Amino acid sequence: MHEWRGTVAATLAALALLAAGCSPDTGHQVRGRTSTAAPAASAAPRERQQRALPGLPPALARQHLAWEACAAEDAPRGDRGPRPEAECAWLTVPVDYGAPTGQSIRIRVVRVRARAQDRRLGSLVFNPGGPGEAGAAMVAGGLFEATPAVTDRYDLVGFDPRGIGRSAPLACPQGAGGDLIPRTREQAEAEFKAAADQGESCRRASGPLLAHMDTVSVARDLELLRAALDEPRLHYLGFSYGTYLGQHYAHLFPGRVGRFVLDGLVDPATDQRRTARNDVTALDDSFAGYARACVTLGCPLGRTPAEVVARTTAFVRDLDAHPVPVPGGGRLTTALAVQGIRTPLYQAARWPDLTRALVEAMDGSPGPLIGLAVEQVRVQEQSQGQQRHNGRFPVPGAGAPAGDVDPTMARNAVDCLDKPGPRTPAEVLAELAEFEKASPLFGATVAAALYHCAAWPLAPTGRAEPLTAPGAPPMVLVSYAVDPATPLAGARAVRKNLGAGSLVVRQGTGHSAYASGSDCTDAAVDAFLVEDRLPPPNVECSA
């Protein structure tokens, strides 16, 4: 059980940096794609593309993927390795698109070919979110499938973004941060130093790639992948962070946008502070929904939803002062408890697990709640398992002992470059007080994760601003009505920024709604992907 303590810093780091990963009304009818489009671009799409990929050597611009059988390490999360129909290849991309003739790395790509090859529509590139998720592994291992209507007609293509999975994985050592929320100036400075030391170790071990983990670079990789797949336009399915990546691609290459489905939308106009505050609001809304459902079924945590929230909040806030020990080592703290609560909020079907874990923790047995807390971190460790298997890191650097690699640092590497945020311990400490006032249950823990980017050794290169895609065709956006990670308000903001398109809202609580049991949602998306029929502007699907 002592292994739980080793995941505390990673769990705390991941809390606020999501966006990083989602029975309908079948009476809705879809219609043909309309001619309404976003305003014309100020520059021709080809000119925008040339500016987005300046000076790219022909050897990179005109690649052909050499497909081969996948290896065992291409599906580290699969029980039986890669599925036999999966094919794997390497795509070469520059580390720095500002110096495209310099150092390059290889991106791992996996495809499962369309079952109906005689009616094949092309390639559908899939990104599962994160940042930090290995999309190639998910496709190779069969851990993600679109609906049969889509996989009959499209080659499903997954890739490991740069620095992740088999694509030149970062070699960031584990940090030594504490497991308590820093609340005093001295604690804040100590947490900042620990985060800064880990970030600097990551920079030394990972080499020049760390400075080019930003989403704009990944979007450019995606354009090289489209060309290597020999597709005139990119057909794309992105979840959570994958929607952020998709928006960047559409902004850079609007003339190359094909059929785009973005599910669980991240609003690029939010900086780290606003993203975290939105996260807290969404978590509060989701927990309130859980509390109502719990009371309806006869809740051991309280007779009313307000009692459930109040009792849980009081218990969680007291844990830093009075942690609950775990036999054999470790302890349940506020940060771990919050992550344990957060994990099952994404799926209403798991709310009974949350109730049992909270009841046991309050009775002095924290094991189940800690188990929920480390669940997501273990998934990230497994998705990066091939990094340990290979023992080599394609980007020059000192490397790190395989067992000491921190799988959550890829998320930090992307997020800390993409969006500005606090840069001093005093700024984060002030945010923590404001967050806790707004949300006594979740606020302090979410705000504490801001220390990691505040102390990051590289300054942000991105900006918090709306992304537009002038000239791109309409897209389909999908969201749950209540999403603990990417609130519906973000989806509405993204639709406004992108111009014409459809928003499909699935009622209930969850994160990423397509291909998860909603006939209405799936019908709207499938009609768009397979028949090019754009749904009505607003589609509401029952849970």
Protein backbone atom coordinates (compact mmCIF):
# COMPACT_ATOMS: atom_id res chain seq x y z
CA MET A 1 0.00 0.00 0.00
CA HIS A 2 3.01 2.32 0.34
CA GLU A 3 2.95 2.80 -3.45
CA TRP A 4 -0.01 5.17 -3.00
CA ARG A 5 2.25 7.79 -1.43
CA GLY A 6 4.46 7.74 -4.50
CA THR A 7 1.57 8.86 -6.68
CA VAL A 8 0.49 11.81 -4.57
CA ALA A 9 2.56 14.47 -6.36
CA ALA A 10 1.47 13.15 -9.75
CA THR A 11 -2.16 13.14 -8.67
CA LEU A 12 -1.96 16.70 -7.37
CA ALA A 13 -0.26 17.84 -10.59
CA ALA A 14 -3.05 16.45 -12.75
CA LEU A 15 -5.98 17.90 -10.83
CA ALA A 16 -6.38 21.31 -12.42
CA LEU A 17 -4.68 20.69 -15.73
CA LEU A 18 -7.39 18.79 -17.56
CA ALA A 19 -7.86 20.37 -20.92
CA ALA A 20 -5.14 15.83 -20.46
CA GLY A 21 -8.11 12.37 -20.98
CA CYS A 22 -17.17 11.96 -22.60
CA SER A 23 -31.20 7.64 -24.18
CA PRO A 24 -30.93 10.19 -26.72
CA ASP A 25 -33.93 11.49 -28.56
CA THR A 26 -33.88 9.49 -31.77
CA GLY A 27 -36.71 11.62 -33.09
CA HIS A 28 -34.19 14.26 -34.16
CA GLN A 29 -33.67 14.33 -37.91
CA VAL A 30 -30.41 15.28 -39.57
CA ARG A 31 -30.27 17.24 -42.76
CA GLY A 32 -27.83 17.80 -45.56
CA ARG A 33 -24.89 20.07 -44.92
CA THR A 34 -25.89 23.65 -45.51
CA SER A 35 -23.90 26.23 -47.41
CA THR A 36 -23.52 28.46 -44.36
CA ALA A 37 -19.85 28.83 -43.66
CA ALA A 38 -17.51 31.01 -41.69
CA PRO A 39 -16.40 34.28 -43.25
CA ALA A 40 -13.74 34.06 -45.92
CA ALA A 41 -10.18 33.97 -44.68
CA SER A 42 -8.13 37.13 -44.85
CA ALA A 43 -5.47 35.08 -46.66
CA ALA A 44 -5.97 32.10 -48.94
CA PRO A 45 -5.86 28.74 -47.12
CA ARG A 46 -2.76 27.65 -49.07
CA GLU A 47 -0.92 30.80 -48.00
CA ARG A 48 -1.91 30.20 -44.39
CA GLN A 49 -0.64 26.62 -44.65
CA GLN A 50 2.68 27.77 -46.07
CA ARG A 51 3.08 30.16 -43.19
CA ALA A 52 2.19 27.36 -40.77
CA LEU A 53 4.87 25.03 -42.19
CA PRO A 54 7.65 27.34 -43.41
CA GLY A 55 10.76 25.87 -45.03
CA LEU A 56 9.79 22.24 -44.56
CA PRO A 57 12.26 19.98 -46.42
CA PRO A 58 10.76 17.66 -49.09
CA ALA A 59 11.87 14.58 -47.16
CA LEU A 60 9.41 15.52 -44.41
CA ALA A 61 6.70 17.08 -46.55
CA ARG A 62 6.39 14.11 -48.94
CA GLN A 63 6.56 11.11 -46.66
CA HIS A 64 4.90 7.77 -47.28
CA LEU A 65 4.02 5.65 -44.28
CA ALA A 66 5.54 2.16 -44.30
CA TRP A 67 2.89 0.04 -42.58
CA GLU A 68 3.98 -3.06 -40.69
CA ALA A 69 2.69 -5.39 -38.00
CA CYS A 70 2.46 -3.70 -34.62
CA ALA A 71 4.73 -4.76 -31.76
CA ALA A 72 3.70 -5.76 -28.24
CA GLU A 73 4.76 -2.36 -26.90
CA ASP A 74 2.29 -0.65 -29.25
CA ALA A 75 -0.57 -1.80 -27.00
CA PRO A 76 0.80 -1.80 -23.43
CA ARG A 77 -2.70 -1.56 -21.94
CA GLY A 78 -4.14 -4.45 -23.93
CA ASP A 79 -4.43 -7.85 -22.27
CA ARG A 80 -3.47 -9.65 -25.46
CA GLY A 81 -1.26 -7.08 -27.16
CA PRO A 82 -2.23 -5.30 -30.38
CA ARG A 83 -5.21 -6.61 -32.28
CA PRO A 84 -4.15 -8.54 -35.39
CA GLU A 85 -5.76 -6.11 -37.84
CA ALA A 86 -3.76 -3.15 -36.50
CA GLU A 87 -0.91 -1.80 -38.63
CA CYS A 88 1.84 0.50 -37.39
CA ALA A 89 4.17 3.03 -38.98
CA TRP A 90 6.50 5.91 -38.16
CA LEU A 91 6.09 9.55 -39.20
CA THR A 92 9.14 11.83 -39.01
CA VAL A 93 8.58 15.42 -37.82
CA PRO A 94 10.95 18.26 -36.88
CA VAL A 95 11.44 18.94 -33.20
CA ASP A 96 11.31 22.68 -33.91
CA TYR A 97 9.20 23.92 -36.83
CA GLY A 98 11.15 27.17 -36.60
CA ALA A 99 14.23 25.16 -37.65
CA PRO A 100 12.65 22.42 -39.78
CA THR A 101 15.95 21.15 -41.20
CA GLY A 102 17.32 20.52 -37.72
CA GLN A 103 16.71 17.65 -35.32
CA SER A 104 13.73 15.37 -35.98
CA ILE A 105 11.81 12.75 -34.03
CA ARG A 106 9.49 9.90 -34.99
CA ILE A 107 5.76 9.81 -34.27
CA ARG A 108 4.08 6.43 -33.82
CA VAL A 109 0.97 5.92 -35.95
CA VAL A 110 -1.52 3.02 -35.91
CA ARG A 111 -4.40 2.25 -38.23
CA VAL A 112 -7.17 -0.31 -38.43
CA ARG A 113 -8.45 -0.37 -41.98
CA ALA A 114 -12.12 0.13 -42.87
CA ARG A 115 -14.03 -3.13 -43.00
CA ALA A 116 -15.82 -2.14 -46.19
CA GLN A 117 -12.81 -1.24 -48.31
CA ASP A 118 -14.89 -1.04 -51.48
CA ARG A 119 -16.88 1.81 -49.85
CA ARG A 120 -14.01 3.39 -47.92
CA LEU A 121 -14.35 7.14 -47.25
CA GLY A 122 -10.78 7.77 -46.10
CA SER A 123 -8.89 7.98 -42.83
CA LEU A 124 -10.44 9.19 -39.57
CA VAL A 125 -7.69 10.43 -37.27
CA PHE A 126 -8.48 10.02 -33.57
CA ASN A 127 -7.09 11.83 -30.51
CA PRO A 128 -8.30 10.62 -27.08
CA GLY A 129 -7.39 13.73 -25.09
CA GLY A 130 -5.06 14.36 -22.19
CA PRO A 131 -2.73 15.92 -23.05
CA GLY A 132 -0.69 12.83 -22.33
CA GLU A 133 -2.81 10.05 -23.80
CA ALA A 134 -1.28 7.67 -26.32
CA GLY A 135 -3.81 7.46 -29.14
CA ALA A 136 -1.83 4.88 -31.08
CA ALA A 137 -1.93 2.48 -28.16
CA MET A 138 -5.68 2.93 -27.77
CA VAL A 139 -6.34 2.06 -31.42
CA ALA A 140 -3.81 -0.78 -31.51
CA GLY A 141 -5.18 -2.36 -28.36
CA GLY A 142 -8.84 -1.90 -29.28
CA LEU A 143 -9.44 0.37 -26.30
CA PHE A 144 -11.30 2.84 -28.47
CA GLU A 145 -13.76 2.06 -31.25
CA ALA A 146 -15.99 4.41 -33.14
CA THR A 147 -19.41 3.00 -34.02
CA PRO A 148 -19.62 0.19 -36.62
CA ALA A 149 -21.17 2.61 -39.11
CA VAL A 150 -17.95 4.63 -39.00
CA THR A 151 -15.38 1.84 -38.76
CA ASP A 152 -17.01 0.13 -41.75
CA ARG A 153 -16.22 3.16 -43.91
CA TYR A 154 -13.10 4.75 -42.42
CA ASP A 155 -9.61 3.62 -41.58
CA LEU A 156 -9.36 4.47 -37.87
CA VAL A 157 -5.98 6.12 -37.28
CA GLY A 158 -4.44 6.84 -33.89
CA PHE A 159 -1.13 8.50 -33.10
CA ASP A 160 1.02 9.15 -30.05
CA PRO A 161 1.62 12.92 -29.92
CA ARG A 162 5.21 14.08 -29.58
CA GLY A 163 6.77 13.28 -26.22
CA ILE A 164 4.11 10.67 -25.41
CA GLY A 165 3.90 6.89 -25.70
CA ARG A 166 6.30 5.69 -28.39
CA SER A 167 6.76 9.15 -29.94
CA ALA A 168 10.07 10.24 -28.40
CA PRO A 169 8.66 9.96 -24.85
CA LEU A 170 9.76 12.53 -22.33
CA ALA A 171 12.14 11.30 -19.66
CA CYS A 172 10.90 13.35 -16.71
CA PRO A 173 11.90 11.89 -13.32
CA GLN A 174 9.45 11.63 -10.46
CA GLY A 175 9.23 14.73 -8.29
CA ALA A 176 9.47 15.07 -4.55
CA GLY A 177 6.48 17.33 -3.89
CA GLY A 178 4.45 16.99 -0.71
CA ASP A 179 0.98 15.53 -0.37
CA LEU A 180 -0.52 18.40 1.64
CA ILE A 181 -2.03 21.55 0.17
CA PRO A 182 0.40 24.48 0.70
CA ARG A 183 -1.43 27.17 2.66
CA THR A 184 1.32 29.32 4.20
CA ARG A 185 4.03 31.36 2.49
CA GLU A 186 6.70 28.93 3.66
CA GLN A 187 4.73 25.94 2.39
CA ALA A 188 4.04 27.69 -0.91
CA GLU A 189 7.71 28.45 -1.45
CA ALA A 190 8.67 24.86 -0.62
CA GLU A 191 6.08 23.49 -3.04
CA PHE A 192 7.24 25.92 -5.72
CA LYS A 193 10.86 24.83 -5.25
CA ALA A 194 9.95 21.14 -5.44
CA ALA A 195 8.01 21.76 -8.65
CA ALA A 196 10.84 23.85 -10.09
CA ASP A 197 13.38 21.14 -9.30
CA GLN A 198 11.24 18.51 -11.00
CA GLY A 199 10.70 20.74 -14.03
CA GLU A 200 14.41 21.41 -14.34
CA SER A 201 15.17 17.68 -14.04
CA CYS A 202 12.64 17.10 -16.80
CA ARG A 203 14.31 19.73 -19.00
CA ARG A 204 17.76 18.20 -18.53
CA ALA A 205 16.56 14.64 -19.11
CA SER A 206 14.31 15.30 -22.11
CA GLY A 207 16.47 17.68 -24.10
CA PRO A 208 15.22 20.18 -26.70
CA LEU A 209 11.86 18.49 -27.27
CA LEU A 210 10.50 19.86 -23.98
CA ALA A 211 10.46 23.39 -25.42
CA HIS A 212 8.37 22.18 -28.39
CA MET A 213 5.61 20.18 -26.72
CA ASP A 214 3.07 22.93 -27.42
CA THR A 215 -0.22 22.17 -29.17
CA VAL A 216 0.65 24.32 -32.20
CA SER A 217 3.57 21.98 -32.88
CA VAL A 218 1.31 18.94 -32.49
CA ALA A 219 -1.18 20.50 -34.93
CA ARG A 220 1.63 20.87 -37.47
CA ASP A 221 2.54 17.21 -36.88
CA LEU A 222 -1.09 16.43 -37.64
CA GLU A 223 -0.81 18.22 -41.00
CA LEU A 224 2.25 16.12 -41.87
CA LEU A 225 0.26 13.03 -40.89
CA ARG A 226 -2.61 14.05 -43.19
CA ALA A 227 -0.20 14.42 -46.09
CA ALA A 228 1.53 11.12 -45.34
CA LEU A 229 -1.87 9.38 -45.25
CA ASP A 230 -2.44 10.82 -48.75
CA GLU A 231 -5.69 12.44 -47.70
CA PRO A 232 -6.73 15.71 -49.40
CA ARG A 233 -8.52 16.77 -46.19
CA LEU A 234 -8.22 15.71 -42.59
CA HIS A 235 -11.21 13.87 -41.14
CA TYR A 236 -10.82 14.09 -37.39
CA LEU A 237 -12.40 12.89 -34.15
CA GLY A 238 -11.06 14.59 -31.02
CA PHE A 239 -12.07 14.18 -27.38
CA SER A 240 -11.39 16.66 -24.56
CA TYR A 241 -7.85 18.02 -25.17
CA GLY A 242 -8.25 16.54 -28.65
CA THR A 243 -10.83 19.28 -29.30
CA TYR A 244 -8.23 21.90 -28.41
CA LEU A 245 -5.79 20.27 -30.83
CA GLY A 246 -8.49 20.13 -33.50
CA GLN A 247 -9.23 23.82 -33.12
CA HIS A 248 -5.57 24.69 -33.53
CA TYR A 249 -5.37 22.56 -36.66
CA ALA A 250 -8.46 24.19 -38.13
CA HIS A 251 -7.08 27.63 -37.31
CA LEU A 252 -3.76 26.89 -39.03
CA PHE A 253 -5.09 24.83 -41.94
CA PRO A 254 -8.73 25.77 -42.57
CA GLY A 255 -8.51 24.67 -46.20
CA ARG A 256 -7.55 21.16 -45.13
CA VAL A 257 -10.42 20.62 -42.69
CA GLY A 258 -12.65 17.70 -43.63
CA ARG A 259 -15.33 16.23 -41.39
CA PHE A 260 -14.45 17.35 -37.87
CA VAL A 261 -16.14 16.05 -34.71
CA LEU A 262 -15.03 17.69 -31.46
CA ASP A 263 -16.41 16.09 -28.28
CA GLY A 264 -15.95 17.50 -24.76
CA LEU A 265 -14.80 20.95 -25.80
CA VAL A 266 -11.93 22.94 -24.36
CA ASP A 267 -12.29 26.71 -24.74
CA PRO A 268 -8.92 28.08 -25.93
CA ALA A 269 -9.84 31.59 -24.76
CA THR A 270 -9.27 30.62 -21.11
CA ASP A 271 -5.89 30.97 -19.40
CA GLN A 272 -4.73 28.64 -16.63
CA ARG A 273 -6.60 30.58 -13.94
CA ARG A 274 -9.88 30.68 -15.84
CA THR A 275 -9.55 27.05 -16.92
CA ALA A 276 -9.08 26.02 -13.29
CA ARG A 277 -12.00 28.17 -12.11
CA ASN A 278 -14.24 26.67 -14.79
CA ASP A 279 -13.02 23.26 -13.68
CA VAL A 280 -14.04 23.99 -10.09
CA THR A 281 -17.49 25.18 -11.15
CA ALA A 282 -18.02 22.07 -13.27
CA LEU A 283 -16.91 19.82 -10.41
CA ASP A 284 -19.29 21.53 -7.98
CA ASP A 285 -22.16 21.11 -10.45
CA SER A 286 -21.29 17.46 -11.00
CA PHE A 287 -21.02 16.69 -7.29
CA ALA A 288 -24.36 18.42 -6.69
CA GLY A 289 -25.87 16.11 -9.31
CA TYR A 290 -24.28 13.12 -7.58
CA ALA A 291 -25.66 14.26 -4.21
CA ARG A 292 -29.20 14.54 -5.63
CA ALA A 293 -28.97 11.09 -7.15
CA CYS A 294 -27.57 9.64 -3.92
CA VAL A 295 -30.44 11.06 -1.86
CA THR A 296 -33.00 9.73 -4.34
CA LEU A 297 -31.64 6.21 -3.76
CA GLY A 298 -31.37 6.59 0.02
CA CYS A 299 -27.99 8.13 0.78
CA PRO A 300 -25.90 7.10 3.81
CA LEU A 301 -24.11 10.48 3.57
CA GLY A 302 -27.11 12.68 4.28
CA ARG A 303 -30.88 13.09 4.06
CA THR A 304 -30.72 16.01 1.62
CA PRO A 305 -28.29 16.95 -1.17
CA ALA A 306 -27.12 19.90 0.91
CA GLU A 307 -26.29 17.55 3.80
CA VAL A 308 -24.32 15.25 1.48
CA VAL A 309 -22.29 18.18 0.18
CA ALA A 310 -21.74 19.67 3.65
CA ARG A 311 -20.69 16.38 5.25
CA THR A 312 -18.32 15.49 2.43
CA THR A 313 -16.81 18.97 2.41
CA ALA A 314 -16.19 18.97 6.16
CA PHE A 315 -14.57 15.53 5.98
CA VAL A 316 -12.32 16.39 3.03
CA ARG A 317 -11.19 19.78 4.36
CA ASP A 318 -10.16 18.23 7.70
CA LEU A 319 -7.90 15.62 6.09
CA ASP A 320 -4.77 17.75 5.82
CA ALA A 321 -4.93 18.53 9.54
CA HIS A 322 -5.95 14.96 10.40
CA PRO A 323 -4.93 12.56 7.58
CA VAL A 324 -6.38 9.07 7.77
CA PRO A 325 -3.50 6.54 7.91
CA VAL A 326 -3.35 3.50 5.68
CA PRO A 327 -2.16 0.19 7.17
CA GLY A 328 1.28 -0.53 5.76
CA GLY A 329 2.09 3.11 4.96
CA GLY A 330 0.52 6.13 3.32
CA ARG A 331 -2.33 8.41 4.31
CA LEU A 332 -5.48 9.92 2.91
CA THR A 333 -5.06 13.69 2.51
CA THR A 334 -7.31 16.38 1.10
CA ALA A 335 -5.71 16.24 -2.35
CA LEU A 336 -6.04 12.46 -2.62
CA ALA A 337 -9.62 12.53 -1.37
CA VAL A 338 -10.58 15.16 -3.95
CA GLN A 339 -9.08 13.10 -6.76
CA GLY A 340 -10.86 10.02 -5.41
CA ILE A 341 -14.13 11.92 -5.58
CA ARG A 342 -13.36 13.39 -8.98
CA THR A 343 -12.55 10.15 -10.81
CA PRO A 344 -16.02 8.52 -10.65
CA LEU A 345 -17.84 11.82 -11.26
CA TYR A 346 -17.13 11.37 -14.98
CA GLN A 347 -19.49 8.41 -15.17
CA ALA A 348 -22.84 8.34 -13.37
CA ALA A 349 -22.73 4.54 -13.45
CA ARG A 350 -19.82 4.71 -10.99
CA TRP A 351 -21.49 6.96 -8.46
CA PRO A 352 -22.34 3.99 -6.19
CA ASP A 353 -18.58 3.29 -6.03
CA LEU A 354 -18.06 6.84 -4.83
CA THR A 355 -20.71 6.48 -2.13
CA ARG A 356 -19.14 3.28 -0.80
CA ALA A 357 -15.64 4.80 -0.87
CA LEU A 358 -16.72 7.93 0.99
CA VAL A 359 -18.61 5.96 3.64
CA GLU A 360 -15.65 3.67 4.25
CA ALA A 361 -13.19 6.58 4.38
CA MET A 362 -15.34 8.38 6.93
CA ASP A 363 -15.39 5.15 8.93
CA GLY A 364 -11.58 5.06 8.96
CA SER A 365 -10.94 2.75 5.98
CA PRO A 366 -9.57 5.01 3.21
CA GLY A 367 -8.36 2.26 0.87
CA PRO A 368 -11.26 2.38 -1.65
CA LEU A 369 -11.15 6.18 -1.93
CA ILE A 370 -7.38 6.18 -2.43
CA GLY A 371 -7.84 3.45 -5.01
CA LEU A 372 -10.15 5.76 -6.96
CA ALA A 373 -7.61 8.57 -6.59
CA VAL A 374 -4.69 6.70 -8.13
CA GLU A 375 -6.78 5.03 -10.83
CA GLN A 376 -6.16 7.73 -13.43
CA VAL A 377 -2.45 7.92 -12.67
CA ARG A 378 -2.11 4.16 -13.14
CA VAL A 379 -3.80 4.41 -16.51
CA GLN A 380 -1.27 7.07 -17.53
CA GLU A 381 1.57 4.85 -16.31
CA GLN A 382 0.27 1.96 -18.39
CA SER A 383 -0.19 4.12 -21.49
CA GLN A 384 3.48 5.08 -21.19
CA GLY A 385 4.57 1.52 -20.40
CA GLN A 386 6.51 1.14 -23.63
CA GLN A 387 8.75 3.99 -22.49
CA ARG A 388 10.07 1.75 -19.73
CA HIS A 389 10.16 -1.25 -22.04
CA ASN A 390 12.42 0.40 -24.61
CA GLY A 391 14.76 2.07 -22.17
CA ARG A 392 15.82 4.59 -24.85
CA PHE A 393 14.84 8.15 -25.48
CA PRO A 394 15.12 9.41 -29.08
CA VAL A 395 15.69 13.03 -28.03
CA PRO A 396 19.21 13.68 -26.71
CA GLY A 397 19.39 14.05 -22.97
CA ALA A 398 20.70 12.35 -19.89
CA GLY A 399 17.65 10.12 -19.62
CA ALA A 400 16.22 8.79 -16.39
CA PRO A 401 15.99 5.40 -14.73
CA ALA A 402 13.04 3.67 -16.37
CA GLY A 403 11.12 3.05 -13.18
CA ASP A 404 11.45 6.69 -12.10
CA VAL A 405 9.78 8.26 -15.16
CA ASP A 406 6.73 10.37 -14.26
CA PRO A 407 3.92 9.76 -16.78
CA THR A 408 1.98 12.86 -15.73
CA MET A 409 4.70 15.28 -16.77
CA ALA A 410 3.75 15.13 -20.44
CA ARG A 411 0.53 16.88 -19.46
CA ASN A 412 2.49 19.62 -17.72
CA ALA A 413 4.86 19.94 -20.66
CA VAL A 414 1.96 20.75 -22.98
CA ASP A 415 -0.25 22.77 -20.65
CA CYS A 416 2.53 24.95 -19.26
CA LEU A 417 3.56 26.01 -22.77
CA ASP A 418 0.04 26.47 -24.13
CA LYS A 419 -1.50 28.93 -21.69
CA PRO A 420 -0.25 31.69 -19.42
CA GLY A 421 -0.85 31.55 -15.69
CA PRO A 422 0.62 32.51 -12.30
CA ARG A 423 4.43 32.54 -12.18
CA THR A 424 5.23 33.03 -8.49
CA PRO A 425 4.36 31.17 -5.27
CA ALA A 426 2.62 34.29 -3.93
CA GLU A 427 0.33 34.45 -6.96
CA VAL A 428 -0.68 30.81 -6.59
CA LEU A 429 -1.26 31.21 -2.85
CA ALA A 430 -3.60 34.13 -3.52
CA GLU A 431 -5.47 32.10 -6.12
CA LEU A 432 -5.80 29.23 -3.67
CA ALA A 433 -7.60 31.42 -1.14
CA GLU A 434 -10.00 32.73 -3.79
CA PHE A 435 -10.67 29.25 -5.18
CA GLU A 436 -11.39 27.82 -1.74
CA LYS A 437 -13.83 30.63 -1.05
CA ALA A 438 -15.65 29.84 -4.30
CA SER A 439 -15.62 26.06 -3.72
CA PRO A 440 -14.87 24.80 -0.20
CA LEU A 441 -14.80 21.20 -1.48
CA PHE A 442 -12.68 21.38 -4.66
CA GLY A 443 -11.19 24.87 -4.82
CA ALA A 444 -7.96 24.59 -2.84
CA THR A 445 -6.88 21.30 -4.39
CA VAL A 446 -7.47 22.48 -7.94
CA ALA A 447 -5.67 25.77 -7.32
CA ALA A 448 -2.68 23.98 -5.75
CA ALA A 449 -1.97 22.30 -9.08
CA LEU A 450 -1.12 25.73 -10.51
CA TYR A 451 2.25 25.50 -8.74
CA HIS A 452 3.52 23.13 -11.40
CA CYS A 453 3.19 25.55 -14.30
CA ALA A 454 4.16 28.54 -12.14
CA ALA A 455 7.50 26.84 -11.53
CA TRP A 456 7.92 25.37 -15.03
CA PRO A 457 11.42 26.06 -16.45
CA LEU A 458 10.02 27.30 -19.78
CA ALA A 459 7.78 30.33 -20.22
CA PRO A 460 4.44 29.85 -22.01
CA THR A 461 4.55 30.30 -25.79
CA GLY A 462 0.78 30.19 -26.35
CA ARG A 463 -1.93 32.71 -25.59
CA ALA A 464 -5.43 32.46 -24.21
CA GLU A 465 -7.53 33.63 -27.12
CA PRO A 466 -10.46 32.44 -29.23
CA LEU A 467 -9.50 30.33 -32.24
CA THR A 468 -11.26 30.90 -35.53
CA ALA A 469 -11.13 28.90 -38.74
CA PRO A 470 -12.23 31.22 -41.57
CA GLY A 471 -13.21 29.25 -44.64
CA ALA A 472 -13.33 25.89 -42.90
CA PRO A 473 -16.50 23.80 -43.40
CA PRO A 474 -19.03 23.42 -40.55
CA MET A 475 -18.11 21.02 -37.76
CA VAL A 476 -20.07 18.93 -35.27
CA LEU A 477 -19.49 19.75 -31.61
CA VAL A 478 -20.61 17.37 -28.85
CA SER A 479 -20.99 17.90 -25.10
CA TYR A 480 -22.66 16.48 -22.04
CA ALA A 481 -25.06 18.88 -20.36
CA VAL A 482 -22.98 18.55 -17.17
CA ASP A 483 -19.31 17.80 -17.78
CA PRO A 484 -16.89 17.68 -14.80
CA ALA A 485 -13.90 18.48 -17.04
CA THR A 486 -15.07 20.57 -20.01
CA PRO A 487 -18.22 22.55 -19.22
CA LEU A 488 -21.00 23.03 -21.76
CA ALA A 489 -20.34 26.79 -21.68
CA GLY A 490 -17.00 26.10 -23.34
CA ALA A 491 -18.69 24.22 -26.17
CA ARG A 492 -21.02 27.14 -26.78
CA ALA A 493 -18.11 29.58 -26.83
CA VAL A 494 -16.20 27.40 -29.28
CA ARG A 495 -19.18 27.17 -31.63
CA LYS A 496 -19.48 30.95 -31.64
CA ASN A 497 -15.79 31.33 -32.46
CA LEU A 498 -15.72 28.68 -35.19
CA GLY A 499 -18.86 29.97 -36.90
CA ALA A 500 -21.48 27.71 -38.46
CA GLY A 501 -21.84 24.19 -37.12
CA SER A 502 -23.95 21.89 -34.95
CA LEU A 503 -23.91 21.40 -31.20
CA VAL A 504 -25.14 18.02 -29.95
CA VAL A 505 -25.86 18.06 -26.20
CA ARG A 506 -26.37 14.80 -24.34
CA GLN A 507 -28.31 15.21 -21.12
CA GLY A 508 -26.85 13.91 -17.89
CA THR A 509 -23.33 13.96 -16.45
CA GLY A 510 -20.24 12.67 -18.21
CA HIS A 511 -17.24 13.51 -20.33
CA SER A 512 -17.13 12.73 -24.08
CA ALA A 513 -20.51 11.48 -25.24
CA TYR A 514 -19.92 9.87 -28.64
CA ALA A 515 -19.66 6.06 -28.89
CA SER A 516 -20.60 5.66 -25.22
CA GLY A 517 -24.14 4.32 -25.40
CA SER A 518 -26.20 7.23 -26.68
CA ASP A 519 -28.10 6.26 -29.83
CA CYS A 520 -29.16 9.84 -30.47
CA THR A 521 -25.64 11.24 -30.16
CA ASP A 522 -24.17 8.46 -32.28
CA ALA A 523 -26.83 8.87 -34.99
CA ALA A 524 -26.11 12.59 -35.33
CA VAL A 525 -22.35 12.11 -35.49
CA ASP A 526 -22.48 9.08 -37.77
CA ALA A 527 -24.76 10.78 -40.28
CA PHE A 528 -22.24 13.60 -40.48
CA LEU A 529 -19.15 11.38 -40.78
CA VAL A 530 -20.62 8.78 -43.13
CA GLU A 531 -23.19 10.71 -45.15
CA ASP A 532 -21.88 14.28 -44.78
CA ARG A 533 -25.24 15.33 -43.36
CA LEU A 534 -24.87 18.14 -40.87
CA PRO A 535 -27.26 17.86 -37.89
CA PRO A 536 -29.53 20.81 -37.00
CA PRO A 537 -27.76 23.66 -35.19
CA ASN A 538 -28.94 22.41 -31.78
CA VAL A 539 -29.58 18.74 -31.03
CA GLU A 540 -30.60 17.60 -27.55
CA CYS A 541 -30.28 13.94 -26.66
CA SER A 542 -31.64 12.31 -23.54
CA ALA A 543 -29.15 10.61 -21.23
